[in-house]
PDB file of N, CA and C in Angstrom:
ATOM      1  N   UNK A   1      24.972  27.638 -42.880  1.00  0.00           N
ATOM      2  CA  UNK A   1      25.876  26.380 -43.289  1.00  0.00           C
ATOM      3  C   UNK A   1      26.944  26.552 -42.538  1.00  0.00           C
ATOM      4  N   UNK A   2      27.231  27.876 -41.981  1.00  0.00           N
ATOM      5  CA  UNK A   2      28.365  27.695 -40.513  1.00  0.00           C
ATOM      6  C   UNK A   2      28.199  27.532 -39.386  1.00  0.00           C
ATOM      7  N   UNK A   3      26.666  28.305 -38.764  1.00  0.00           N
ATOM      8  CA  UNK A   3      25.996  27.361 -37.991  1.00  0.00           C
ATOM      9  C   UNK A   3      25.776  26.127 -37.776  1.00  0.00           C
ATOM     10  N   UNK A   4      25.543  25.237 -38.961  1.00  0.00           N
ATOM     11  CA  UNK A   4      25.629  24.187 -38.829  1.00  0.00           C
ATOM     12  C   UNK A   4      27.037  23.319 -38.418  1.00  0.00           C
ATOM     13  N   UNK A   5      27.699  24.092 -39.222  1.00  0.00           N
ATOM     14  CA  UNK A   5      29.564  23.051 -38.950  1.00  0.00           C
ATOM     15  C   UNK A   5      29.899  23.150 -37.616  1.00  0.00           C
ATOM     16  N   UNK A   6      29.601  24.359 -36.899  1.00  0.00           N
ATOM     17  CA  UNK A   6      29.851  24.806 -35.515  1.00  0.00           C
ATOM     18  C   UNK A   6      28.962  23.631 -34.990  1.00  0.00           C
ATOM     19  N   UNK A   7      27.578  23.570 -34.817  1.00  0.00           N
ATOM     20  CA  UNK A   7      26.687  22.644 -34.371  1.00  0.00           C
ATOM     21  C   UNK A   7      27.051  21.355 -34.130  1.00  0.00           C
ATOM     22  N   UNK A   8      27.747  21.029 -35.913  1.00  0.00           N
ATOM     23  CA  UNK A   8      28.317  19.396 -35.970  1.00  0.00           C
ATOM     24  C   UNK A   8      29.839  19.346 -35.189  1.00  0.00           C
ATOM     25  N   UNK A   9      30.502  20.455 -34.829  1.00  0.00           N
ATOM     26  CA  UNK A   9      31.519  19.678 -34.313  1.00  0.00           C
ATOM     27  C   UNK A   9      31.546  20.126 -32.761  1.00  0.00           C
ATOM     28  N   UNK A  10      30.568  20.462 -32.052  1.00  0.00           N
ATOM     29  CA  UNK A  10      30.768  20.920 -30.747  1.00  0.00           C
ATOM     30  C   UNK A  10      30.787  19.559 -29.858  1.00  0.00           C
ATOM     31  N   UNK A  11      30.491  18.506 -30.146  1.00  0.00           N
ATOM     32  CA  UNK A  11      30.806  16.980 -29.368  1.00  0.00           C
ATOM     33  C   UNK A  11      32.661  16.832 -29.113  1.00  0.00           C
ATOM     34  N   UNK A  12      32.897  17.237 -30.881  1.00  0.00           N
ATOM     35  CA  UNK A  12      34.185  17.286 -30.702  1.00  0.00           C
ATOM     36  C   UNK A  12      35.186  18.432 -30.032  1.00  0.00           C
ATOM     37  N   UNK A  13      34.590  19.547 -29.883  1.00  0.00           N
ATOM     38  CA  UNK A  13      35.352  20.095 -29.158  1.00  0.00           C
ATOM     39  C   UNK A  13      35.158  20.354 -27.667  1.00  0.00           C
ATOM     40  N   UNK A  14      34.013  19.449 -27.230  1.00  0.00           N
ATOM     41  CA  UNK A  14      33.263  19.225 -25.582  1.00  0.00           C
ATOM     42  C   UNK A  14      34.479  17.886 -25.119  1.00  0.00           C
ATOM     43  N   UNK A  15      34.691  17.259 -26.069  1.00  0.00           N
ATOM     44  CA  UNK A  15      35.777  16.157 -26.434  1.00  0.00           C
ATOM     45  C   UNK A  15      37.290  16.474 -25.824  1.00  0.00           C
ATOM     46  N   UNK A  16      37.560  17.738 -26.832  1.00  0.00           N
ATOM     47  CA  UNK A  16      38.880  17.671 -26.421  1.00  0.00           C
ATOM     48  C   UNK A  16      38.951  18.799 -25.058  1.00  0.00           C
ATOM     49  N   UNK A  17      37.710  19.594 -24.558  1.00  0.00           N
ATOM     50  CA  UNK A  17      37.773  20.446 -23.686  1.00  0.00           C
ATOM     51  C   UNK A  17      38.112  19.298 -22.183  1.00  0.00           C
ATOM     52  N   UNK A  18      37.217  18.024 -22.119  1.00  0.00           N
ATOM     53  CA  UNK A  18      37.060  17.028 -21.667  1.00  0.00           C
ATOM     54  C   UNK A  18      38.982  16.692 -21.173  1.00  0.00           C
ATOM     55  N   UNK A  19      39.348  16.279 -22.299  1.00  0.00           N
ATOM     56  CA  UNK A  19      40.608  16.330 -22.200  1.00  0.00           C
ATOM     57  C   UNK A  19      41.716  17.029 -21.503  1.00  0.00           C
ATOM     58  N   UNK A  20      41.571  18.269 -21.369  1.00  0.00           N
ATOM     59  CA  UNK A  20      41.875  19.269 -21.067  1.00  0.00           C
ATOM     60  C   UNK A  20      41.926  19.184 -19.662  1.00  0.00           C
ATOM     61  N   UNK A  21      40.783  19.282 -19.127  1.00  0.00           N
ATOM     62  CA  UNK A  21      40.252  19.461 -18.026  1.00  0.00           C
ATOM     63  C   UNK A  21      40.635  17.673 -17.104  1.00  0.00           C
ATOM     64  N   UNK A  22      40.745  17.321 -17.881  1.00  0.00           N
ATOM     65  CA  UNK A  22      41.211  15.935 -17.224  1.00  0.00           C
ATOM     66  C   UNK A  22      42.512  16.101 -16.782  1.00  0.00           C
ATOM     67  N   UNK A  23      43.432  16.623 -17.886  1.00  0.00           N
ATOM     68  CA  UNK A  23      44.740  16.662 -17.627  1.00  0.00           C
ATOM     69  C   UNK A  23      45.517  17.717 -16.282  1.00  0.00           C
ATOM     70  N   UNK A  24      44.245  18.962 -16.480  1.00  0.00           N
ATOM     71  CA  UNK A  24      44.529  19.668 -15.064  1.00  0.00           C
ATOM     72  C   UNK A  24      44.100  19.006 -14.407  1.00  0.00           C
ATOM     73  N   UNK A  25      42.822  18.446 -13.805  1.00  0.00           N
ATOM     74  CA  UNK A  25      42.430  17.803 -12.520  1.00  0.00           C
ATOM     75  C   UNK A  25      43.943  16.739 -12.373  1.00  0.00           C
ATOM     76  N   UNK A  26      44.483  16.241 -13.159  1.00  0.00           N
ATOM     77  CA  UNK A  26      45.628  15.384 -12.740  1.00  0.00           C
ATOM     78  C   UNK A  26      46.780  15.481 -12.205  1.00  0.00           C
ATOM     79  N   UNK A  27      46.895  17.137 -12.794  1.00  0.00           N
ATOM     80  CA  UNK A  27      47.921  18.400 -12.524  1.00  0.00           C
ATOM     81  C   UNK A  27      47.891  18.364 -11.125  1.00  0.00           C
ATOM     82  N   UNK A  28      46.426  18.673 -10.697  1.00  0.00           N
ATOM     83  CA  UNK A  28      46.327  19.927  -9.318  1.00  0.00           C
ATOM     84  C   UNK A  28      45.663  18.390  -8.045  1.00  0.00           C
ATOM     85  N   UNK A  29      45.450  17.358  -8.429  1.00  0.00           N
ATOM     86  CA  UNK A  29      44.886  16.242  -7.694  1.00  0.00           C
ATOM     87  C   UNK A  29      46.209  15.748  -7.033  1.00  0.00           C
ATOM     88  N   UNK A  30      45.894  15.982  -5.228  1.00  0.00           N
ATOM     89  CA  UNK A  30      47.019  15.271  -4.108  1.00  0.00           C
ATOM     90  C   UNK A  30      46.185  14.239  -3.753  1.00  0.00           C
ATOM     91  N   UNK A  31      47.225  13.071  -3.631  1.00  0.00           N
ATOM     92  CA  UNK A  31      46.515  11.988  -3.040  1.00  0.00           C
ATOM     93  C   UNK A  31      46.485  11.598  -1.814  1.00  0.00           C
ATOM     94  N   UNK A  32      46.494  12.818  -0.914  1.00  0.00           N
ATOM     95  CA  UNK A  32      46.810  12.831   0.400  1.00  0.00           C
ATOM     96  C   UNK A  32      44.859  13.538   0.579  1.00  0.00           C
ATOM     97  N   UNK A  33      44.974  14.585  -0.093  1.00  0.00           N
ATOM     98  CA  UNK A  33      44.160  14.946   0.397  1.00  0.00           C
ATOM     99  C   UNK A  33      42.745  15.578  -0.734  1.00  0.00           C
ATOM    100  N   UNK A  34      43.283  14.535  -1.693  1.00  0.00           N
ATOM    101  CA  UNK A  34      42.175  14.803  -2.871  1.00  0.00           C
ATOM    102  C   UNK A  34      41.258  14.421  -2.407  1.00  0.00           C
ATOM    103  N   UNK A  35      39.835  14.533  -3.229  1.00  0.00           N
ATOM    104  CA  UNK A  35      38.961  14.160  -2.965  1.00  0.00           C
ATOM    105  C   UNK A  35      38.228  13.849  -4.408  1.00  0.00           C
ATOM    106  N   UNK A  36      38.387  12.572  -4.736  1.00  0.00           N
ATOM    107  CA  UNK A  36      37.954  12.278  -6.278  1.00  0.00           C
ATOM    108  C   UNK A  36      36.452  13.006  -7.095  1.00  0.00           C
ATOM    109  N   UNK A  37      35.162  12.727  -6.067  1.00  0.00           N
ATOM    110  CA  UNK A  37      34.211  13.871  -6.514  1.00  0.00           C
ATOM    111  C   UNK A  37      34.355  15.035  -6.553  1.00  0.00           C
ATOM    112  N   UNK A  38      35.164  16.246  -6.188  1.00  0.00           N
ATOM    113  CA  UNK A  38      35.876  17.642  -6.814  1.00  0.00           C
ATOM    114  C   UNK A  38      35.976  17.106  -8.068  1.00  0.00           C
ATOM    115  N   UNK A  39      36.971  15.777  -8.630  1.00  0.00           N
ATOM    116  CA  UNK A  39      37.442  15.987 -10.048  1.00  0.00           C
ATOM    117  C   UNK A  39      36.324  15.474 -10.506  1.00  0.00           C
ATOM    118  N   UNK A  40      35.232  14.534 -10.389  1.00  0.00           N
ATOM    119  CA  UNK A  40      34.024  14.430 -11.353  1.00  0.00           C
ATOM    120  C   UNK A  40      32.979  14.766 -11.524  1.00  0.00           C
ATOM    121  N   UNK A  41      33.039  15.925 -10.452  1.00  0.00           N
ATOM    122  CA  UNK A  41      31.945  16.925 -10.675  1.00  0.00           C
ATOM    123  C   UNK A  41      32.669  18.295 -11.706  1.00  0.00           C
ATOM    124  N   UNK A  42      33.946  18.286 -12.016  1.00  0.00           N
ATOM    125  CA  UNK A  42      34.405  19.374 -12.981  1.00  0.00           C
ATOM    126  C   UNK A  42      34.082  18.379 -14.664  1.00  0.00           C
ATOM    127  N   UNK A  43      34.221  17.044 -14.316  1.00  0.00           N
ATOM    128  CA  UNK A  43      34.229  16.287 -15.746  1.00  0.00           C
ATOM    129  C   UNK A  43      32.976  15.821 -15.919  1.00  0.00           C
ATOM    130  N   UNK A  44      31.970  15.243 -15.031  1.00  0.00           N
ATOM    131  CA  UNK A  44      30.913  14.512 -15.716  1.00  0.00           C
ATOM    132  C   UNK A  44      29.859  15.372 -16.390  1.00  0.00           C
ATOM    133  N   UNK A  45      29.907  17.039 -16.002  1.00  0.00           N
ATOM    134  CA  UNK A  45      28.995  17.714 -16.753  1.00  0.00           C
ATOM    135  C   UNK A  45      29.039  17.963 -18.457  1.00  0.00           C
ATOM    136  N   UNK A  46      30.315  17.806 -18.558  1.00  0.00           N
ATOM    137  CA  UNK A  46      31.543  18.065 -19.774  1.00  0.00           C
ATOM    138  C   UNK A  46      30.662  16.344 -20.308  1.00  0.00           C
ATOM    139  N   UNK A  47      30.899  15.267 -19.913  1.00  0.00           N
ATOM    140  CA  UNK A  47      30.820  14.138 -20.494  1.00  0.00           C
ATOM    141  C   UNK A  47      29.087  13.820 -20.649  1.00  0.00           C
ATOM    142  N   UNK A  48      28.371  14.580 -19.764  1.00  0.00           N
ATOM    143  CA  UNK A  48      26.748  14.280 -20.363  1.00  0.00           C
ATOM    144  C   UNK A  48      26.434  15.167 -21.454  1.00  0.00           C
ATOM    145  N   UNK A  49      26.670  16.474 -21.099  1.00  0.00           N
ATOM    146  CA  UNK A  49      26.817  17.355 -22.076  1.00  0.00           C
ATOM    147  C   UNK A  49      26.748  16.492 -23.738  1.00  0.00           C
ATOM    148  N   UNK A  50      28.463  16.386 -23.539  1.00  0.00           N
ATOM    149  CA  UNK A  50      28.985  16.007 -25.122  1.00  0.00           C
ATOM    150  C   UNK A  50      28.157  14.517 -25.479  1.00  0.00           C
ATOM    151  N   UNK A  51      27.495  13.801 -24.473  1.00  0.00           N
ATOM    152  CA  UNK A  51      26.725  12.664 -24.941  1.00  0.00           C
ATOM    153  C   UNK A  51      25.542  13.318 -25.025  1.00  0.00           C
ATOM    154  N   UNK A  52      24.864  13.755 -25.229  1.00  0.00           N
ATOM    155  CA  UNK A  52      23.762  14.500 -24.885  1.00  0.00           C
ATOM    156  C   UNK A  52      23.827  14.994 -26.422  1.00  0.00           C
ATOM    157  N   UNK A  53      24.964  15.911 -27.012  1.00  0.00           N
ATOM    158  CA  UNK A  53      25.216  16.600 -28.187  1.00  0.00           C
ATOM    159  C   UNK A  53      25.506  15.330 -29.080  1.00  0.00           C
ATOM    160  N   UNK A  54      26.265  14.613 -28.650  1.00  0.00           N
ATOM    161  CA  UNK A  54      26.820  13.483 -29.728  1.00  0.00           C
ATOM    162  C   UNK A  54      25.746  12.829 -30.170  1.00  0.00           C
ATOM    163  N   UNK A  55      24.569  12.539 -29.338  1.00  0.00           N
ATOM    164  CA  UNK A  55      23.695  11.622 -29.924  1.00  0.00           C
ATOM    165  C   UNK A  55      22.467  12.514 -31.401  1.00  0.00           C
ATOM    166  N   UNK A  56      22.206  14.096 -30.242  1.00  0.00           N
ATOM    167  CA  UNK A  56      21.715  15.155 -31.639  1.00  0.00           C
ATOM    168  C   UNK A  56      22.195  15.496 -32.533  1.00  0.00           C
ATOM    169  N   UNK A  57      23.506  15.271 -32.456  1.00  0.00           N
ATOM    170  CA  UNK A  57      24.263  15.359 -33.813  1.00  0.00           C
ATOM    171  C   UNK A  57      24.126  14.181 -35.070  1.00  0.00           C
ATOM    172  N   UNK A  58      24.746  13.029 -34.320  1.00  0.00           N
ATOM    173  CA  UNK A  58      24.529  11.862 -34.970  1.00  0.00           C
ATOM    174  C   UNK A  58      23.305  11.748 -35.637  1.00  0.00           C
ATOM    175  N   UNK A  59      22.028  12.041 -34.936  1.00  0.00           N
ATOM    176  CA  UNK A  59      20.737  11.891 -35.661  1.00  0.00           C
ATOM    177  C   UNK A  59      20.801  13.060 -36.553  1.00  0.00           C
ATOM    178  N   UNK A  60      21.280  14.521 -35.980  1.00  0.00           N
ATOM    179  CA  UNK A  60      20.849  15.040 -37.716  1.00  0.00           C
ATOM    180  C   UNK A  60      21.630  14.391 -38.724  1.00  0.00           C
ATOM    181  N   UNK A  61      22.905  13.464 -38.298  1.00  0.00           N
ATOM    182  CA  UNK A  61      23.572  13.075 -40.041  1.00  0.00           C
ATOM    183  C   UNK A  61      21.996  12.387 -41.035  1.00  0.00           C
ATOM    184  N   UNK A  62      21.443  11.787 -40.454  1.00  0.00           N
ATOM    185  CA  UNK A  62      20.250  11.338 -41.383  1.00  0.00           C
ATOM    186  C   UNK A  62      19.460  12.173 -41.876  1.00  0.00           C
ATOM    187  N   UNK A  63      18.901  13.619 -41.225  1.00  0.00           N
ATOM    188  CA  UNK A  63      18.580  14.567 -41.865  1.00  0.00           C
ATOM    189  C   UNK A  63      19.138  15.275 -43.249  1.00  0.00           C
ATOM    190  N   UNK A  64      20.677  15.217 -42.905  1.00  0.00           N
ATOM    191  CA  UNK A  64      21.594  15.635 -44.248  1.00  0.00           C
ATOM    192  C   UNK A  64      21.932  14.854 -45.170  1.00  0.00           C
ATOM    193  N   UNK A  65      21.699  13.352 -44.854  1.00  0.00           N
ATOM    194  CA  UNK A  65      21.539  12.246 -45.823  1.00  0.00           C
ATOM    195  C   UNK A  65      20.543  12.636 -46.815  1.00  0.00           C
ATOM    196  N   UNK A  66      19.149  12.801 -46.183  1.00  0.00           N
ATOM    197  CA  UNK A  66      18.189  12.936 -46.514  1.00  0.00           C
ATOM    198  C   UNK A  66      18.183  14.412 -47.797  1.00  0.00           C
ATOM    199  N   UNK A  67      18.662  15.286 -47.089  1.00  0.00           N
ATOM    200  CA  UNK A  67      18.736  16.443 -47.797  1.00  0.00           C
ATOM    201  C   UNK A  67      19.878  16.158 -49.149  1.00  0.00           C
ATOM    202  N   UNK A  68      20.869  15.265 -49.081  1.00  0.00           N
ATOM    203  CA  UNK A  68      21.813  15.113 -50.087  1.00  0.00           C
ATOM    204  C   UNK A  68      22.886  15.978 -49.442  1.00  0.00           C
ATOM    205  N   UNK A  69      23.184  16.259 -48.361  1.00  0.00           N
ATOM    206  CA  UNK A  69      24.352  17.459 -47.661  1.00  0.00           C
ATOM    207  C   UNK A  69      25.435  16.470 -47.186  1.00  0.00           C
ATOM    208  N   UNK A  70      26.225  15.640 -48.238  1.00  0.00           N
ATOM    209  CA  UNK A  70      26.666  14.664 -47.332  1.00  0.00           C
ATOM    210  C   UNK A  70      28.118  14.836 -46.635  1.00  0.00           C
ATOM    211  N   UNK A  71      28.576  16.139 -47.300  1.00  0.00           N
ATOM    212  CA  UNK A  71      30.029  16.381 -46.473  1.00  0.00           C
ATOM    213  C   UNK A  71      29.232  16.718 -44.902  1.00  0.00           C
ATOM    214  N   UNK A  72      28.261  17.530 -44.793  1.00  0.00           N
ATOM    215  CA  UNK A  72      27.746  17.522 -43.113  1.00  0.00           C
ATOM    216  C   UNK A  72      27.143  16.759 -42.906  1.00  0.00           C
ATOM    217  N   UNK A  73      26.531  15.602 -43.293  1.00  0.00           N
ATOM    218  CA  UNK A  73      26.271  14.336 -43.157  1.00  0.00           C
ATOM    219  C   UNK A  73      27.540  13.875 -42.212  1.00  0.00           C
ATOM    220  N   UNK A  74      28.515  13.647 -43.168  1.00  0.00           N
ATOM    221  CA  UNK A  74      29.810  13.037 -42.736  1.00  0.00           C
ATOM    222  C   UNK A  74      30.462  13.676 -41.604  1.00  0.00           C
ATOM    223  N   UNK A  75      30.058  14.932 -41.247  1.00  0.00           N
ATOM    224  CA  UNK A  75      30.695  15.953 -40.335  1.00  0.00           C
ATOM    225  C   UNK A  75      29.833  15.332 -38.557  1.00  0.00           C
ATOM    226  N   UNK A  76      28.778  15.203 -39.239  1.00  0.00           N
ATOM    227  CA  UNK A  76      28.170  14.829 -38.090  1.00  0.00           C
ATOM    228  C   UNK A  76      27.838  13.416 -37.614  1.00  0.00           C
ATOM    229  N   UNK A  77      28.664  12.611 -38.321  1.00  0.00           N
ATOM    230  CA  UNK A  77      29.053  11.298 -37.602  1.00  0.00           C
ATOM    231  C   UNK A  77      30.784  11.500 -37.526  1.00  0.00           C
ATOM    232  N   UNK A  78      31.357  11.951 -38.127  1.00  0.00           N
ATOM    233  CA  UNK A  78      33.119  11.794 -37.384  1.00  0.00           C
ATOM    234  C   UNK A  78      32.950  12.169 -36.461  1.00  0.00           C
ATOM    235  N   UNK A  79      32.437  13.934 -36.291  1.00  0.00           N
ATOM    236  CA  UNK A  79      32.518  14.827 -34.204  1.00  0.00           C
ATOM    237  C   UNK A  79      31.874  13.753 -33.517  1.00  0.00           C
ATOM    238  N   UNK A  80      30.850  13.033 -33.506  1.00  0.00           N
ATOM    239  CA  UNK A  80      30.382  12.276 -32.303  1.00  0.00           C
ATOM    240  C   UNK A  80      31.454  11.083 -31.756  1.00  0.00           C
ATOM    241  N   UNK A  81      32.254  10.318 -33.311  1.00  0.00           N
ATOM    242  CA  UNK A  81      33.024   9.479 -32.697  1.00  0.00           C
ATOM    243  C   UNK A  81      34.120   9.842 -32.545  1.00  0.00           C
ATOM    244  N   UNK A  82      34.720  11.128 -32.590  1.00  0.00           N
ATOM    245  CA  UNK A  82      35.595  11.886 -32.055  1.00  0.00           C
ATOM    246  C   UNK A  82      35.995  12.070 -30.584  1.00  0.00           C
ATOM    247  N   UNK A  83      34.406  12.599 -30.302  1.00  0.00           N
ATOM    248  CA  UNK A  83      34.278  12.908 -28.722  1.00  0.00           C
ATOM    249  C   UNK A  83      34.164  11.657 -27.809  1.00  0.00           C
ATOM    250  N   UNK A  84      33.457  10.598 -28.392  1.00  0.00           N
ATOM    251  CA  UNK A  84      34.105   9.259 -28.131  1.00  0.00           C
ATOM    252  C   UNK A  84      35.441   8.830 -27.693  1.00  0.00           C
ATOM    253  N   UNK A  85      36.100   9.082 -28.971  1.00  0.00           N
ATOM    254  CA  UNK A  85      37.175   8.716 -28.644  1.00  0.00           C
ATOM    255  C   UNK A  85      38.456   9.356 -27.577  1.00  0.00           C
ATOM    256  N   UNK A  86      38.017  10.932 -26.960  1.00  0.00           N
ATOM    257  CA  UNK A  86      38.467  11.650 -26.277  1.00  0.00           C
ATOM    258  C   UNK A  86      37.975  11.172 -25.041  1.00  0.00           C
ATOM    259  N   UNK A  87      36.931  11.145 -25.186  1.00  0.00           N
ATOM    260  CA  UNK A  87      36.443  10.478 -23.954  1.00  0.00           C
ATOM    261  C   UNK A  87      36.632   9.472 -23.113  1.00  0.00           C
ATOM    262  N   UNK A  88      37.071   8.382 -23.855  1.00  0.00           N
ATOM    263  CA  UNK A  88      37.712   7.266 -23.840  1.00  0.00           C
ATOM    264  C   UNK A  88      39.585   7.575 -23.102  1.00  0.00           C
ATOM    265  N   UNK A  89      39.786   8.583 -23.810  1.00  0.00           N
ATOM    266  CA  UNK A  89      41.415   8.715 -23.712  1.00  0.00           C
ATOM    267  C   UNK A  89      41.156   9.435 -22.390  1.00  0.00           C
ATOM    268  N   UNK A  90      40.088  10.299 -21.665  1.00  0.00           N
ATOM    269  CA  UNK A  90      40.267  11.381 -20.606  1.00  0.00           C
ATOM    270  C   UNK A  90      40.209  10.475 -19.785  1.00  0.00           C
ATOM    271  N   UNK A  91      39.411   9.192 -20.266  1.00  0.00           N
ATOM    272  CA  UNK A  91      38.555   8.221 -18.956  1.00  0.00           C
ATOM    273  C   UNK A  91      39.879   7.343 -18.517  1.00  0.00           C
ATOM    274  N   UNK A  92      40.860   6.952 -19.771  1.00  0.00           N
ATOM    275  CA  UNK A  92      41.682   6.194 -19.004  1.00  0.00           C
ATOM    276  C   UNK A  92      42.712   6.536 -18.539  1.00  0.00           C
ATOM    277  N   UNK A  93      43.206   8.126 -18.996  1.00  0.00           N
ATOM    278  CA  UNK A  93      44.087   8.994 -18.156  1.00  0.00           C
ATOM    279  C   UNK A  93      43.799   8.818 -16.608  1.00  0.00           C
ATOM    280  N   UNK A  94      42.381   9.213 -16.296  1.00  0.00           N
ATOM    281  CA  UNK A  94      41.743   9.483 -15.134  1.00  0.00           C
ATOM    282  C   UNK A  94      42.054   8.336 -14.006  1.00  0.00           C
ATOM    283  N   UNK A  95      41.720   7.163 -14.995  1.00  0.00           N
ATOM    284  CA  UNK A  95      41.793   5.877 -14.388  1.00  0.00           C
ATOM    285  C   UNK A  95      43.157   5.494 -13.721  1.00  0.00           C
ATOM    286  N   UNK A  96      43.689   5.604 -15.005  1.00  0.00           N
ATOM    287  CA  UNK A  96      45.397   5.721 -14.867  1.00  0.00           C
ATOM    288  C   UNK A  96      45.957   5.968 -13.946  1.00  0.00           C
ATOM    289  N   UNK A  97      45.969   7.509 -13.861  1.00  0.00           N
ATOM    290  CA  UNK A  97      46.036   8.101 -12.404  1.00  0.00           C
ATOM    291  C   UNK A  97      45.787   7.669 -11.283  1.00  0.00           C
ATOM    292  N   UNK A  98      44.579   7.592 -11.131  1.00  0.00           N
ATOM    293  CA  UNK A  98      43.910   7.757 -10.104  1.00  0.00           C
ATOM    294  C   UNK A  98      44.463   5.798  -9.236  1.00  0.00           C
ATOM    295  N   UNK A  99      44.933   5.156  -9.999  1.00  0.00           N
ATOM    296  CA  UNK A  99      45.248   4.022  -9.602  1.00  0.00           C
ATOM    297  C   UNK A  99      46.432   3.271  -9.351  1.00  0.00           C
ATOM    298  N   UNK A 100      47.012   4.859  -9.866  1.00  0.00           N
ATOM    299  CA  UNK A 100      48.269   4.615  -9.608  1.00  0.00           C
ATOM    300  C   UNK A 100      48.903   5.467  -8.299  1.00  0.00           C
ATOM    301  N   UNK A 101      47.948   6.080  -7.836  1.00  0.00           N
ATOM    302  CA  UNK A 101      48.097   7.469  -6.446  1.00  0.00           C
ATOM    303  C   UNK A 101      47.708   5.890  -5.019  1.00  0.00           C
TER     304      UNK A 101
END
């Protein structure tokens, strides 16, 4: 059951990692010499992996509901939602910073 819990929370962990990477990118970005492609090359793989894992984890919630494991199914629903919230926050931070510079 512990491996299932880790798998269910991977999208949320990636969302938190994305927020940390976005904040670090904001701190090291120099508007005169900075390249947006370098920033995106660090953030985009995390986003893509998070989206794929979110779809997989959310899909597994149907299996857990079928097995009558409601707490695991709830985790499999909540974690992708939290990932997309983190992704939205990271995107908003990055977009606001890039527009300000």
